[in-house]
Protein backbone atom coordinates (compact mmCIF):
# COMPACT_ATOMS: atom_id res chain seq x y z
CA UNK A 1 5.91 4.96 -20.94
CA UNK A 2 3.36 2.39 -22.09
CA UNK A 3 4.34 -0.95 -20.47
CA UNK A 4 4.23 -1.63 -16.45
CA UNK A 5 4.76 -4.22 -14.42
CA UNK A 6 3.30 -4.45 -10.74
CA UNK A 7 4.58 -7.39 -8.14
CA UNK A 8 2.10 -8.68 -5.91
CA UNK A 9 -1.35 -9.06 -6.60
CA UNK A 10 -2.54 -7.97 -3.19
CA UNK A 11 -4.65 -5.55 -2.02
CA UNK A 12 -2.58 -2.22 -3.03
CA UNK A 13 -1.06 -4.42 -5.88
CA UNK A 14 -4.31 -5.26 -7.70
CA UNK A 15 -5.38 -1.59 -7.18
CA UNK A 16 -2.21 0.08 -8.69
CA UNK A 17 -2.49 -2.16 -11.74
CA UNK A 18 -5.89 -1.33 -12.06
CA UNK A 19 -5.09 2.44 -12.33
CA UNK A 20 -2.96 2.05 -14.55
CA UNK A 21 -4.84 -0.20 -16.99
CA UNK A 22 -7.55 2.06 -16.92
CA UNK A 23 -5.46 4.90 -17.72
CA UNK A 24 -4.24 2.68 -20.92
CA UNK A 25 -0.93 1.41 -20.12
CA UNK A 26 -0.55 -2.36 -20.85
CA UNK A 27 0.07 -3.81 -16.98
CA UNK A 28 1.80 -7.48 -16.44
CA UNK A 29 0.40 -8.13 -13.03
CA UNK A 30 2.96 -10.73 -11.48
CA UNK A 31 2.82 -12.81 -8.31
CA UNK A 32 4.10 -16.39 -7.45
CA UNK A 33 0.85 -17.71 -6.96
CA UNK A 34 -1.90 -18.04 -9.42
CA UNK A 35 -4.85 -18.40 -6.85
CA UNK A 36 -3.30 -14.73 -5.60
CA UNK A 37 -3.54 -13.47 -9.52
CA UNK A 38 -6.78 -14.86 -9.76
CA UNK A 39 -8.34 -12.92 -6.74
CA UNK A 40 -6.68 -9.88 -8.00
CA UNK A 41 -8.10 -9.91 -11.08
CA UNK A 42 -11.41 -10.92 -9.26
CA UNK A 43 -11.28 -7.85 -7.37
CA UNK A 44 -10.31 -5.38 -10.13
CA UNK A 45 -13.54 -6.76 -12.05
CA UNK A 46 -15.63 -5.94 -9.28
CA UNK A 47 -14.54 -2.69 -8.54
CA UNK A 48 -15.06 -1.55 -12.62
CA UNK A 49 -18.46 -3.42 -11.99
CA UNK A 50 -19.02 -0.78 -8.99
CA UNK A 51 -17.54 2.17 -11.11
CA UNK A 52 -20.24 1.45 -13.93
CA UNK A 53 -23.14 0.81 -11.49
CA UNK A 54 -21.98 4.55 -10.42
CA UNK A 55 -22.00 5.35 -14.23
CA UNK A 56 -18.36 6.43 -14.04
CA UNK A 57 -17.41 4.33 -16.81
CA UNK A 58 -19.27 2.57 -19.19
CA UNK A 59 -19.35 -1.62 -20.29
CA UNK A 60 -16.23 -0.48 -23.15
CA UNK A 61 -14.02 1.19 -20.75
CA UNK A 62 -14.05 -2.08 -18.31
CA UNK A 63 -13.56 -4.33 -21.25
CA UNK A 64 -10.39 -2.04 -22.28
CA UNK A 65 -9.01 -1.91 -18.81
CA UNK A 66 -9.35 -5.97 -18.27
CA UNK A 67 -7.72 -6.34 -21.58
CA UNK A 68 -4.64 -4.35 -20.89
CA UNK A 69 -3.87 -6.37 -17.94
CA UNK A 70 -1.63 -9.46 -18.74
CA UNK A 71 -0.81 -12.06 -15.28
CA UNK A 72 2.54 -13.94 -14.79
CA UNK A 73 3.66 -15.93 -12.16
CA UNK A 74 7.19 -15.99 -13.67
CA UNK A 75 8.91 -12.45 -12.48
CA UNK A 76 11.63 -12.68 -15.27
CA UNK A 77 9.38 -13.02 -17.91
CA UNK A 78 6.93 -10.47 -16.44
CA UNK A 79 9.12 -7.55 -16.46
CA UNK A 80 10.70 -8.27 -19.33
CA UNK A 81 10.54 -5.46 -21.96
CA UNK A 82 8.66 -3.12 -19.45
CA UNK A 83 9.53 1.01 -19.11
CA UNK A 84 8.43 0.75 -15.31
CA UNK A 85 8.10 -2.01 -12.46
CA UNK A 86 6.22 -1.29 -9.31
CA UNK A 87 6.66 -3.78 -6.46
CA UNK A 88 4.00 -4.10 -4.15
CA UNK A 89 4.49 -6.97 -2.38
CA UNK A 90 4.62 -7.60 1.48
CA UNK A 91 6.27 -4.99 4.02
CA UNK A 92 9.29 -6.89 4.79
CA UNK A 93 13.05 -5.59 4.23
CA UNK A 94 14.29 -8.90 3.64
CA UNK A 95 11.80 -9.88 0.65
CA UNK A 96 12.01 -6.17 -0.75
CA UNK A 97 15.85 -6.75 -1.17
CA UNK A 98 15.75 -9.74 -2.22
CA UNK A 99 13.01 -8.99 -5.60
CA UNK A 100 15.04 -5.43 -6.15
CA UNK A 101 17.85 -7.65 -6.69
CA UNK A 102 16.17 -9.91 -8.85
CA UNK A 103 14.74 -6.87 -10.87
CA UNK A 104 17.90 -4.91 -11.41
CA UNK A 105 19.38 -8.21 -13.19
CA UNK A 106 16.16 -9.06 -15.12
CA UNK A 107 14.90 -5.73 -16.40
CA UNK A 108 16.29 -3.60 -18.61
CA UNK A 109 19.12 -0.96 -18.31
CA UNK A 110 16.87 2.10 -18.45
CA UNK A 111 13.85 0.89 -16.64
CA UNK A 112 12.71 2.55 -13.57
CA UNK A 113 12.23 0.40 -10.39
CA UNK A 114 9.39 1.31 -7.91
CA UNK A 115 8.05 0.63 -4.46
CA UNK A 116 5.01 0.91 -3.09
CA UNK A 117 6.65 0.55 0.33
CA UNK A 118 4.78 2.55 3.51
CA UNK A 119 7.83 3.14 5.62
CA UNK A 120 10.83 1.15 4.04
CA UNK A 121 13.95 3.53 3.31
CA UNK A 122 14.39 3.59 -0.62
CA UNK A 123 17.94 4.44 -0.07
CA UNK A 124 18.53 0.50 1.25
CA UNK A 125 16.03 -0.84 -1.26
CA UNK A 126 18.04 1.01 -3.59
CA UNK A 127 21.18 -0.17 -2.50
CA UNK A 128 20.34 -3.89 -3.56
CA UNK A 129 20.50 -2.81 -6.93
CA UNK A 130 23.15 -1.30 -9.40
CA UNK A 131 20.96 1.37 -10.44
CA UNK A 132 20.07 3.33 -7.37
CA UNK A 133 19.70 6.44 -9.41
CA UNK A 134 16.83 4.83 -10.96
CA UNK A 135 15.26 3.64 -7.48
CA UNK A 136 12.16 5.51 -6.37
CA UNK A 137 9.20 5.50 -4.11
CA UNK A 138 5.35 5.58 -5.00
CA UNK A 139 3.61 5.01 -2.14
CA UNK A 140 -0.52 4.97 -3.10
CA UNK A 141 -2.89 5.00 -1.06
CA UNK A 142 -5.53 2.50 -0.17
CA UNK A 143 -7.77 2.26 -1.80
CA UNK A 144 -5.81 3.05 -4.57
CA UNK A 145 -8.68 3.69 -7.42
CA UNK A 146 -10.25 6.34 -5.35
CA UNK A 147 -7.14 7.76 -3.19
CA UNK A 148 -5.66 10.46 -5.38
CA UNK A 149 -2.35 10.87 -3.37
CA UNK A 150 0.75 9.38 -4.65
CA UNK A 151 3.73 10.02 -2.13
CA UNK A 152 6.90 10.18 -4.33
CA UNK A 153 10.02 9.32 -2.15
CA UNK A 154 13.42 10.29 -3.22
CA UNK A 155 16.29 7.78 -2.08
CA UNK A 156 19.56 9.26 -1.48
CA UNK A 157 20.60 8.61 -5.40
CA UNK A 158 17.55 8.96 -7.14
CA UNK A 159 18.07 11.46 -9.89
CA UNK A 160 15.85 14.38 -10.64
CA UNK A 161 15.08 12.91 -13.79
CA UNK A 162 13.95 9.68 -12.32
CA UNK A 163 11.56 11.99 -9.96
CA UNK A 164 10.51 14.28 -12.64
CA UNK A 165 9.17 11.02 -14.97
CA UNK A 166 7.41 9.67 -11.88
CA UNK A 167 5.60 12.77 -10.61
CA UNK A 168 4.36 13.60 -14.39
CA UNK A 169 3.46 9.54 -14.72
CA UNK A 170 1.44 9.75 -11.73
CA UNK A 171 -0.64 13.08 -12.99
CA UNK A 172 -1.20 10.91 -15.98
CA UNK A 173 -3.35 8.55 -13.71
CA UNK A 174 -5.18 11.47 -12.04
CA UNK A 175 -3.32 11.18 -9.26
CA UNK A 176 -1.75 14.30 -7.07
CA UNK A 177 1.89 13.66 -6.42
CA UNK A 178 3.69 14.83 -3.25
CA UNK A 179 7.75 14.58 -3.29
CA UNK A 180 8.88 13.97 -0.25
CA UNK A 181 12.16 13.07 1.30
CA UNK A 182 13.39 9.40 2.64
CA UNK A 183 12.94 9.16 6.14
CA UNK A 184 11.21 6.54 8.22
CA UNK A 185 7.48 6.74 7.85
CA UNK A 186 8.05 9.14 5.19
CA UNK A 187 5.04 12.03 5.98
CA UNK A 188 2.15 10.12 5.53
CA UNK A 189 3.00 6.96 8.29
CA UNK A 190 5.23 9.16 10.28
CA UNK A 191 2.16 11.50 11.45
CA UNK A 192 -0.70 8.59 10.51
CA UNK A 193 1.02 5.59 12.68
CA UNK A 194 1.43 7.66 16.21
CA UNK A 195 -1.81 9.20 15.90
CA UNK A 196 -3.17 5.31 15.43
CA UNK A 197 -0.69 3.64 18.54
CA UNK A 198 -1.78 6.48 20.57
CA UNK A 199 -5.33 5.64 20.05
CA UNK A 200 -4.82 1.87 20.50
CA UNK A 201 -2.68 3.24 23.92
CA UNK A 202 -5.96 5.05 24.72
CA UNK A 203 -8.12 1.64 24.74
CA UNK A 204 -5.35 -0.34 26.78
CA UNK A 205 -5.02 2.37 29.50
CA UNK A 206 -8.97 2.22 29.91
CA UNK A 207 -9.27 5.65 28.88
CA UNK A 208 -12.51 5.09 26.85
CA UNK A 209 -13.86 2.20 24.64
CA UNK A 210 -13.39 1.53 20.70
CA UNK A 211 -16.39 3.27 19.79
CA UNK A 212 -16.19 6.05 21.86
CA UNK A 213 -12.29 6.58 20.74
CA UNK A 214 -13.17 6.69 17.11
CA UNK A 215 -16.10 8.74 17.60
CA UNK A 216 -14.39 11.49 19.01
CA UNK A 217 -12.07 11.64 16.07
CA UNK A 218 -14.54 11.20 13.49
CA UNK A 219 -17.21 14.08 15.04
CA UNK A 220 -14.50 16.31 16.78
CA UNK A 221 -11.83 16.39 14.48
CA UNK A 222 -13.77 15.61 11.07
CA UNK A 223 -11.63 12.12 10.49
CA UNK A 224 -13.63 10.05 7.41
CA UNK A 225 -13.19 7.04 10.21
CA UNK A 226 -11.63 6.57 13.62
CA UNK A 227 -8.22 5.77 14.08
CA UNK A 228 -9.07 2.23 15.53
CA UNK A 229 -11.57 1.54 12.31
CA UNK A 230 -8.43 2.56 10.14
CA UNK A 231 -6.09 0.47 11.76
CA UNK A 232 -8.55 -2.16 11.32
CA UNK A 233 -9.08 -1.16 7.56
CA UNK A 234 -5.02 -1.01 6.95
CA UNK A 235 -4.17 -4.28 8.94
CA UNK A 236 -2.95 -4.45 12.26
CA UNK A 237 0.37 -6.47 11.42
CA UNK A 238 1.11 -3.63 8.77
CA UNK A 239 0.64 -0.94 11.60
CA UNK A 240 2.77 -2.57 13.36
CA UNK A 241 5.40 -3.04 11.13
CA UNK A 242 5.66 0.45 10.27
CA UNK A 243 5.74 1.47 13.99
CA UNK A 244 8.70 -0.73 14.16
CA UNK A 245 10.62 0.72 10.81
CA UNK A 246 10.04 4.19 12.50
CA UNK A 247 10.87 2.78 16.28
CA UNK A 248 14.27 1.01 14.59
CA UNK A 249 14.95 4.04 12.59
CA UNK A 250 14.75 6.63 14.86
CA UNK A 251 15.49 5.19 18.26
CA UNK A 252 12.57 7.17 19.87
CA UNK A 253 10.36 5.64 22.49
CA UNK A 254 7.58 7.86 21.20
CA UNK A 255 7.40 5.41 18.13
CA UNK A 256 7.43 2.26 20.10
CA UNK A 257 4.43 -0.10 19.34
CA UNK A 258 1.46 -0.22 22.16
CA UNK A 259 1.93 -3.93 24.04
CA UNK A 260 -2.28 -4.24 23.02
CA UNK A 261 -1.28 -4.22 19.09
CA UNK A 262 1.44 -6.18 19.76
CA UNK A 263 -0.90 -8.73 21.16
CA UNK A 264 -3.40 -8.45 18.99
CA UNK A 265 -1.01 -9.43 16.13
CA UNK A 266 0.60 -12.61 17.61
CA UNK A 267 -3.06 -13.82 18.21
CA UNK A 268 -4.05 -13.30 14.83
CA UNK A 269 -6.48 -10.50 15.22
CA UNK A 270 -5.38 -8.42 12.08
CA UNK A 271 -8.68 -6.55 11.45
CA UNK A 272 -10.84 -6.64 8.38
CA UNK A 273 -8.68 -9.08 6.40
CA UNK A 274 -8.83 -11.59 9.70
CA UNK A 275 -12.33 -11.11 10.10
CA UNK A 276 -11.75 -9.57 13.76
CA UNK A 277 -9.41 -6.74 14.81
CA UNK A 278 -10.93 -3.76 17.44
CA UNK A 279 -14.27 -4.61 15.66
CA UNK A 280 -15.66 -7.91 14.39
CA UNK A 281 -16.39 -8.29 10.36
CA UNK A 282 -17.64 -11.75 10.82
CA UNK A 283 -20.73 -10.63 9.73
CA UNK A 284 -20.26 -7.21 8.03
CA UNK A 285 -16.69 -5.58 6.35
CA UNK A 286 -18.48 -2.66 8.18
CA UNK A 287 -17.17 -1.42 11.55
CA UNK A 288 -20.46 -1.80 13.62
CA UNK A 289 -19.75 -4.43 15.92
CA UNK A 290 -17.29 -3.98 18.31
CA UNK A 291 -14.77 -7.13 19.31
CA UNK A 292 -16.06 -9.20 22.18
CA UNK A 293 -12.35 -8.66 23.87
CA UNK A 294 -13.36 -5.07 24.11
CA UNK A 295 -17.32 -5.11 25.39
């Protein structure tokens, strides 16, 4: 594989594009909005500068990485002649089904179609195409340039050859691929999201405050950040979406989102990206100040 297309220039998309480009692949970064592409490229540049400051890369590596990325607002043009497409658009089933239907029509017959979905069925996404055996999940972790894990999710029809190809490709990116089967939430979010939801329930029921809950999990369970801080980092809207996918998929009430989470999303309190969630990020992106709602 030499040419890779990435759909979506947001947090996950620009991170995926960065990692492929840094490892010598020609990357087509695609988004419908030029402003999103500009913002995505600015983020990649800033992250490369941070790596240079830590002496992880030099100026030549930075320049080569940026030179490996081309941007497109026209998806059909961007996916032409690529070996792999990694979709990293909004975590919305209807949007993903439309994208994969269009990709199936626009891409070469042998192009592998991957999705970075964190919870939606690979089998359902693959059903929108005429090549279900070439559709697979590549669930990168955030922040992509730093986190080593990639969940490789096989759909019902994903071929052994495609799975092996993507496993090996992930290793070439310096990642550690882990193969899992296609069930709601896969492994990472099937375990993580109920924990986050339970932390929100614990706050909702008045058992302890925001900082206290996070402190217990950081100091008592050796987690690098508490579940409420992590929820803010992921995005409360994303957490809600994943929980709904699992709740609808399993029909098990243990996956039902906490009412507090639902209300915060409806109120636009989405965490870091909106400036406020369980913590207030108006002055710093670090979780230092608890939101006034929970004081």
